[in-house]
Amino acid sequence: MTLTSVGQNDSTRRLSAPPHTLAELFLGFLSIGARSFGGVLPSAHYVMVEQRHWLTPEDFTETIGLCQVLPGPNIGNVAILLGKRWLGLRGAIVAFLGLFALPYLWVLVLAVFYSRWAARPPVSAVVTGVGASGAGLFMATAVKLARPIARKPAAVVLMAGCFIAVAIGRVPLLVVMPIAVIVGLYLSRRRML
C-alpha cells in the first residue's frame, strides 16, 4: 500500500492499493470499458479512485495529465502506463485488452444496427441524447480532476489559460499543449504546482 500526501492535510489523506494480480487488473479495466458510454474518463475515475481505490484523486489527476500529452487515447495510455507500473509488460497488455475488449465488440454490433436504422427519427434522437449525456459526464469529470489542484493559484491560471486559448480563442490543441507542458514544467520546478 502506498500513501500519497502531496497537497493534502491529515483529514483528506487516502490510501491507495494497486491491483496485485493480472486477473484483478483485467477485470478492473474491463469494468471501465463496459461503463464507458459517452467517454471513458468518468468511468475510469469512478473505478480507479472511488470504487477500487487503486489511485488517490491526486495520482489519478497526475496520471491523466501525463497521458493527455502522449499520442493515442488518454485512457488507453493510462491502462498501459499503470499496467506496466503495477505488473510489468504483461500488466500493460492485460490492462489495455481489458479496457478495449467490450467496447470493441459493442461497436461492431452497434454498427450493424445503426447502418440499418440510422435514418429513423428515434435513432437520431437517441444518438443526440447519448452525445449530450457524454458531454455532461465529461464536464463533471473535469470538475473532479480540477479539485486536487484547484488550491494552487498557478495551476488555476494554467487551466484557465488553456481553456481560454482552446475554447474561446480557437487556438489549435497542437499549439496549446506544448506551451502548456513547458509552462507546467517551469511552474513545477519553481514549486508552484
C-alpha atoms as a PDB file:
ATOM      1  CA  MET A   1       0.000   0.000   0.000  1.00  0.00           C
ATOM      2  CA  THR A   2       1.114   3.488  -0.666  1.00  0.00           C
ATOM      3  CA  LEU A   3       0.175   6.793   0.881  1.00  0.00           C
ATOM      4  CA  THR A   4       0.098   9.920  -1.213  1.00  0.00           C
ATOM      5  CA  SER A   5       0.133  13.120   0.764  1.00  0.00           C
ATOM      6  CA  VAL A   6       1.127  15.749  -1.790  1.00  0.00           C
ATOM      7  CA  GLY A   7      -1.071  18.778  -1.190  1.00  0.00           C
ATOM      8  CA  GLN A   8      -3.232  17.009   1.383  1.00  0.00           C
ATOM      9  CA  ASN A   9      -3.846  17.622   5.030  1.00  0.00           C
ATOM     10  CA  ASP A  10      -4.383  14.826   7.569  1.00  0.00           C
ATOM     11  CA  SER A  11      -8.166  14.785   7.109  1.00  0.00           C
ATOM     12  CA  THR A  12      -8.016  14.213   3.326  1.00  0.00           C
ATOM     13  CA  ARG A  13      -5.257  11.605   3.020  1.00  0.00           C
ATOM     14  CA  ARG A  14      -6.304   8.425   1.252  1.00  0.00           C
ATOM     15  CA  LEU A  15      -4.626   5.083   0.927  1.00  0.00           C
ATOM     16  CA  SER A  16      -4.276   3.527  -2.499  1.00  0.00           C
ATOM     17  CA  ALA A  17      -3.984  -0.195  -3.112  1.00  0.00           C
ATOM     18  CA  PRO A  18      -3.000  -1.140  -6.684  1.00  0.00           C
ATOM     19  CA  PRO A  19      -4.155  -4.497  -8.093  1.00  0.00           C
ATOM     20  CA  HIS A  20      -1.959  -7.467  -7.243  1.00  0.00           C
ATOM     21  CA  THR A  21      -2.944  -9.946  -9.979  1.00  0.00           C
ATOM     22  CA  LEU A  22      -3.398  -9.840 -13.734  1.00  0.00           C
ATOM     23  CA  ALA A  23      -6.986 -11.033 -13.307  1.00  0.00           C
ATOM     24  CA  GLU A  24      -7.797  -8.170 -10.929  1.00  0.00           C
ATOM     25  CA  LEU A  25      -6.195  -5.695 -13.333  1.00  0.00           C
ATOM     26  CA  PHE A  26      -8.057  -7.132 -16.340  1.00  0.00           C
ATOM     27  CA  LEU A  27     -11.436  -7.112 -14.576  1.00  0.00           C
ATOM     28  CA  GLY A  28     -10.919  -3.557 -13.341  1.00  0.00           C
ATOM     29  CA  PHE A  29     -10.174  -2.219 -16.809  1.00  0.00           C
ATOM     30  CA  LEU A  30     -12.906  -4.422 -18.292  1.00  0.00           C
ATOM     31  CA  SER A  31     -15.398  -2.722 -15.957  1.00  0.00           C
ATOM     32  CA  ILE A  32     -14.089   0.690 -17.057  1.00  0.00           C
ATOM     33  CA  GLY A  33     -14.546  -0.222 -20.712  1.00  0.00           C
ATOM     34  CA  ALA A  34     -18.003  -1.687 -20.034  1.00  0.00           C
ATOM     35  CA  ARG A  35     -19.230   1.577 -18.448  1.00  0.00           C
ATOM     36  CA  SER A  36     -17.666   3.930 -20.935  1.00  0.00           C
ATOM     37  CA  PHE A  37     -20.569   5.212 -22.962  1.00  0.00           C
ATOM     38  CA  GLY A  38     -20.027   8.837 -23.942  1.00  0.00           C
ATOM     39  CA  GLY A  39     -16.499   8.945 -22.589  1.00  0.00           C
ATOM     40  CA  VAL A  40     -14.116   6.808 -20.592  1.00  0.00           C
ATOM     41  CA  LEU A  41     -12.830   9.400 -18.137  1.00  0.00           C
ATOM     42  CA  PRO A  42     -15.824   9.413 -15.750  1.00  0.00           C
ATOM     43  CA  SER A  43     -15.833   5.605 -15.570  1.00  0.00           C
ATOM     44  CA  ALA A  44     -12.078   5.437 -15.125  1.00  0.00           C
ATOM     45  CA  HIS A  45     -12.176   7.924 -12.254  1.00  0.00           C
ATOM     46  CA  TYR A  46     -15.045   6.083 -10.577  1.00  0.00           C
ATOM     47  CA  VAL A  47     -13.442   2.627 -10.846  1.00  0.00           C
ATOM     48  CA  MET A  48      -9.811   3.509 -10.111  1.00  0.00           C
ATOM     49  CA  VAL A  49     -10.341   6.171  -7.423  1.00  0.00           C
ATOM     50  CA  GLU A  50     -13.753   5.750  -5.823  1.00  0.00           C
ATOM     51  CA  GLN A  51     -14.551   2.060  -6.177  1.00  0.00           C
ATOM     52  CA  ARG A  52     -11.285   0.079  -6.206  1.00  0.00           C
ATOM     53  CA  HIS A  53      -9.002   2.704  -4.586  1.00  0.00           C
ATOM     54  CA  TRP A  54      -6.139   1.896  -6.953  1.00  0.00           C
ATOM     55  CA  LEU A  55      -5.167   5.579  -7.082  1.00  0.00           C
ATOM     56  CA  THR A  56      -5.703   8.656  -4.975  1.00  0.00           C
ATOM     57  CA  PRO A  57      -7.514  11.579  -6.652  1.00  0.00           C
ATOM     58  CA  GLU A  58      -4.184  13.382  -6.947  1.00  0.00           C
ATOM     59  CA  ASP A  59      -2.446  10.361  -8.510  1.00  0.00           C
ATOM     60  CA  PHE A  60      -5.310   9.997 -10.986  1.00  0.00           C
ATOM     61  CA  THR A  61      -5.115  13.670 -11.996  1.00  0.00           C
ATOM     62  CA  GLU A  62      -1.340  13.490 -12.455  1.00  0.00           C
ATOM     63  CA  THR A  63      -1.551  10.268 -14.478  1.00  0.00           C
ATOM     64  CA  ILE A  64      -4.288  11.646 -16.743  1.00  0.00           C
ATOM     65  CA  GLY A  65      -2.296  14.844 -17.205  1.00  0.00           C
ATOM     66  CA  LEU A  66       0.743  12.866 -18.329  1.00  0.00           C
ATOM     67  CA  CYS A  67      -1.255  10.597 -20.641  1.00  0.00           C
ATOM     68  CA  GLN A  68      -3.050  13.519 -22.300  1.00  0.00           C
ATOM     69  CA  VAL A  69       0.194  14.817 -23.782  1.00  0.00           C
ATOM     70  CA  LEU A  70       1.061  11.401 -25.240  1.00  0.00           C
ATOM     71  CA  PRO A  71      -0.321  10.363 -28.643  1.00  0.00           C
ATOM     72  CA  GLY A  72      -3.285   7.991 -28.636  1.00  0.00           C
ATOM     73  CA  PRO A  73      -6.378   7.597 -26.480  1.00  0.00           C
ATOM     74  CA  ASN A  74      -5.871   9.034 -22.980  1.00  0.00           C
ATOM     75  CA  ILE A  75      -7.317   6.133 -21.014  1.00  0.00           C
ATOM     76  CA  GLY A  76      -5.600   3.631 -23.302  1.00  0.00           C
ATOM     77  CA  ASN A  77      -2.336   5.313 -22.361  1.00  0.00           C
ATOM     78  CA  VAL A  78      -3.361   5.189 -18.686  1.00  0.00           C
ATOM     79  CA  ALA A  79      -4.093   1.455 -18.945  1.00  0.00           C
ATOM     80  CA  ILE A  80      -0.679   0.783 -20.473  1.00  0.00           C
ATOM     81  CA  LEU A  81       1.178   3.046 -18.043  1.00  0.00           C
ATOM     82  CA  LEU A  82      -0.496   1.731 -14.890  1.00  0.00           C
ATOM     83  CA  GLY A  83      -0.463  -1.890 -16.052  1.00  0.00           C
ATOM     84  CA  LYS A  84       3.288  -1.620 -16.669  1.00  0.00           C
ATOM     85  CA  ARG A  85       3.880   0.185 -13.362  1.00  0.00           C
ATOM     86  CA  TRP A  86       1.958  -2.365 -11.323  1.00  0.00           C
ATOM     87  CA  LEU A  87       2.532  -5.699 -13.101  1.00  0.00           C
ATOM     88  CA  GLY A  88       5.150  -5.182 -15.802  1.00  0.00           C
ATOM     89  CA  LEU A  89       4.784  -5.721 -19.541  1.00  0.00           C
ATOM     90  CA  ARG A  90       2.114  -8.400 -19.096  1.00  0.00           C
ATOM     91  CA  GLY A  91       0.173  -5.960 -16.932  1.00  0.00           C
ATOM     92  CA  ALA A  92       0.317  -3.308 -19.665  1.00  0.00           C
ATOM     93  CA  ILE A  93      -1.025  -5.748 -22.248  1.00  0.00           C
ATOM     94  CA  VAL A  94      -3.730  -7.151 -19.959  1.00  0.00           C
ATOM     95  CA  ALA A  95      -4.932  -3.703 -18.872  1.00  0.00           C
ATOM     96  CA  PHE A  96      -5.125  -2.479 -22.474  1.00  0.00           C
ATOM     97  CA  LEU A  97      -7.019  -5.598 -23.620  1.00  0.00           C
ATOM     98  CA  GLY A  98      -9.386  -5.365 -20.654  1.00  0.00           C
ATOM     99  CA  LEU A  99     -10.163  -1.738 -21.426  1.00  0.00           C
ATOM    100  CA  PHE A 100     -10.945  -2.270 -25.108  1.00  0.00           C
ATOM    101  CA  ALA A 101     -12.440  -5.799 -25.210  1.00  0.00           C
ATOM    102  CA  LEU A 102     -16.121  -4.983 -24.619  1.00  0.00           C
ATOM    103  CA  PRO A 103     -16.223  -1.602 -26.385  1.00  0.00           C
ATOM    104  CA  TYR A 104     -14.726  -3.236 -29.485  1.00  0.00           C
ATOM    105  CA  LEU A 105     -17.445  -5.886 -29.553  1.00  0.00           C
ATOM    106  CA  TRP A 106     -20.201  -3.359 -28.815  1.00  0.00           C
ATOM    107  CA  VAL A 107     -19.096  -1.049 -31.601  1.00  0.00           C
ATOM    108  CA  LEU A 108     -19.185  -3.916 -34.082  1.00  0.00           C
ATOM    109  CA  VAL A 109     -22.711  -4.921 -33.007  1.00  0.00           C
ATOM    110  CA  LEU A 110     -23.999  -1.350 -32.835  1.00  0.00           C
ATOM    111  CA  ALA A 111     -22.544  -0.581 -36.276  1.00  0.00           C
ATOM    112  CA  VAL A 112     -24.698  -3.315 -37.787  1.00  0.00           C
ATOM    113  CA  PHE A 113     -27.850  -1.983 -36.128  1.00  0.00           C
ATOM    114  CA  TYR A 114     -27.024   1.669 -36.800  1.00  0.00           C
ATOM    115  CA  SER A 115     -26.410   1.072 -40.504  1.00  0.00           C
ATOM    116  CA  ARG A 116     -29.908  -0.417 -40.815  1.00  0.00           C
ATOM    117  CA  TRP A 117     -31.854   2.148 -38.780  1.00  0.00           C
ATOM    118  CA  ALA A 118     -29.802   5.362 -38.806  1.00  0.00           C
ATOM    119  CA  ALA A 119     -32.346   7.338 -40.849  1.00  0.00           C
ATOM    120  CA  ARG A 120     -35.198   6.791 -38.379  1.00  0.00           C
ATOM    121  CA  PRO A 121     -36.025   9.763 -36.080  1.00  0.00           C
ATOM    122  CA  PRO A 122     -35.980   7.764 -32.802  1.00  0.00           C
ATOM    123  CA  VAL A 123     -32.456   6.531 -33.558  1.00  0.00           C
ATOM    124  CA  SER A 124     -31.341  10.092 -34.304  1.00  0.00           C
ATOM    125  CA  ALA A 125     -32.878  11.254 -31.005  1.00  0.00           C
ATOM    126  CA  VAL A 126     -31.079   8.506 -29.068  1.00  0.00           C
ATOM    127  CA  VAL A 127     -27.735   9.421 -30.641  1.00  0.00           C
ATOM    128  CA  THR A 128     -28.281  13.094 -29.765  1.00  0.00           C
ATOM    129  CA  GLY A 129     -29.217  12.180 -26.180  1.00  0.00           C
ATOM    130  CA  VAL A 130     -26.164   9.974 -25.767  1.00  0.00           C
ATOM    131  CA  GLY A 131     -23.962  12.812 -27.041  1.00  0.00           C
ATOM    132  CA  ALA A 132     -25.494  15.255 -24.544  1.00  0.00           C
ATOM    133  CA  SER A 133     -25.081  12.850 -21.638  1.00  0.00           C
ATOM    134  CA  GLY A 134     -21.463  12.206 -22.662  1.00  0.00           C
ATOM    135  CA  ALA A 135     -20.770  15.952 -22.612  1.00  0.00           C
ATOM    136  CA  GLY A 136     -22.316  16.202 -19.150  1.00  0.00           C
ATOM    137  CA  LEU A 137     -20.214  13.313 -17.847  1.00  0.00           C
ATOM    138  CA  PHE A 138     -17.104  14.912 -19.303  1.00  0.00           C
ATOM    139  CA  MET A 139     -17.820  18.244 -17.589  1.00  0.00           C
ATOM    140  CA  ALA A 140     -18.486  16.517 -14.247  1.00  0.00           C
ATOM    141  CA  THR A 141     -15.189  14.654 -14.513  1.00  0.00           C
ATOM    142  CA  ALA A 142     -13.350  17.862 -15.395  1.00  0.00           C
ATOM    143  CA  VAL A 143     -14.570  19.316 -12.097  1.00  0.00           C
ATOM    144  CA  LYS A 144     -13.384  16.200 -10.221  1.00  0.00           C
ATOM    145  CA  LEU A 145      -9.978  16.397 -11.889  1.00  0.00           C
ATOM    146  CA  ALA A 146      -9.617  20.082 -11.066  1.00  0.00           C
ATOM    147  CA  ARG A 147     -10.360  19.725  -7.337  1.00  0.00           C
ATOM    148  CA  PRO A 148      -6.988  18.307  -6.233  1.00  0.00           C
ATOM    149  CA  ILE A 149      -5.073  21.148  -7.888  1.00  0.00           C
ATOM    150  CA  ALA A 150      -7.589  23.994  -7.525  1.00  0.00           C
ATOM    151  CA  ARG A 151      -5.925  25.243  -4.321  1.00  0.00           C
ATOM    152  CA  LYS A 152      -2.800  26.130  -6.275  1.00  0.00           C
ATOM    153  CA  PRO A 153      -3.161  29.548  -7.943  1.00  0.00           C
ATOM    154  CA  ALA A 154      -0.595  28.771 -10.655  1.00  0.00           C
ATOM    155  CA  ALA A 155      -2.499  25.611 -11.615  1.00  0.00           C
ATOM    156  CA  VAL A 156      -5.779  27.539 -11.841  1.00  0.00           C
ATOM    157  CA  VAL A 157      -4.150  30.167 -14.076  1.00  0.00           C
ATOM    158  CA  LEU A 158      -2.671  27.435 -16.302  1.00  0.00           C
ATOM    159  CA  MET A 159      -6.050  25.651 -16.569  1.00  0.00           C
ATOM    160  CA  ALA A 160      -7.860  28.910 -17.330  1.00  0.00           C
ATOM    161  CA  GLY A 161      -5.247  29.891 -19.916  1.00  0.00           C
ATOM    162  CA  CYS A 162      -5.603  26.561 -21.719  1.00  0.00           C
ATOM    163  CA  PHE A 163      -9.397  26.799 -21.646  1.00  0.00           C
ATOM    164  CA  ILE A 164      -9.423  30.361 -22.971  1.00  0.00           C
ATOM    165  CA  ALA A 165      -6.898  29.558 -25.688  1.00  0.00           C
ATOM    166  CA  VAL A 166      -8.708  26.446 -26.950  1.00  0.00           C
ATOM    167  CA  ALA A 167     -12.406  27.071 -26.225  1.00  0.00           C
ATOM    168  CA  ILE A 168     -12.615  30.809 -26.817  1.00  0.00           C
ATOM    169  CA  GLY A 169      -9.542  31.696 -28.870  1.00  0.00           C
ATOM    170  CA  ARG A 170      -9.803  28.564 -31.043  1.00  0.00           C
ATOM    171  CA  VAL A 171      -6.048  28.055 -30.865  1.00  0.00           C
ATOM    172  CA  PRO A 172      -5.270  24.515 -32.062  1.00  0.00           C
ATOM    173  CA  LEU A 173      -4.564  21.987 -29.328  1.00  0.00           C
ATOM    174  CA  LEU A 174      -1.346  21.095 -31.150  1.00  0.00           C
ATOM    175  CA  VAL A 175      -0.089  24.598 -30.323  1.00  0.00           C
ATOM    176  CA  VAL A 176      -1.547  24.890 -26.801  1.00  0.00           C
ATOM    177  CA  MET A 177      -0.316  21.531 -25.441  1.00  0.00           C
ATOM    178  CA  PRO A 178       3.442  22.009 -25.940  1.00  0.00           C
ATOM    179  CA  ILE A 179       3.257  25.515 -24.496  1.00  0.00           C
ATOM    180  CA  ALA A 180       1.207  24.276 -21.519  1.00  0.00           C
ATOM    181  CA  VAL A 181       3.679  21.446 -20.910  1.00  0.00           C
ATOM    182  CA  ILE A 182       6.633  23.849 -20.913  1.00  0.00           C
ATOM    183  CA  VAL A 183       4.844  26.300 -18.602  1.00  0.00           C
ATOM    184  CA  GLY A 184       3.744  23.412 -16.339  1.00  0.00           C
ATOM    185  CA  LEU A 185       7.305  22.085 -16.097  1.00  0.00           C
ATOM    186  CA  TYR A 186       8.625  25.560 -15.319  1.00  0.00           C
ATOM    187  CA  LEU A 187       5.996  26.127 -12.610  1.00  0.00           C
ATOM    188  CA  SER A 188       6.637  22.674 -11.189  1.00  0.00           C
ATOM    189  CA  ARG A 189      10.363  23.318 -10.911  1.00  0.00           C
ATOM    190  CA  ARG A 190       9.614  26.538  -9.073  1.00  0.00           C
ATOM    191  CA  ARG A 191       7.354  24.502  -6.729  1.00  0.00           C
ATOM    192  CA  MET A 192       4.280  26.468  -7.768  1.00  0.00           C
ATOM    193  CA  LEU A 193       2.357  23.356  -8.902  1.00  0.00           C
END
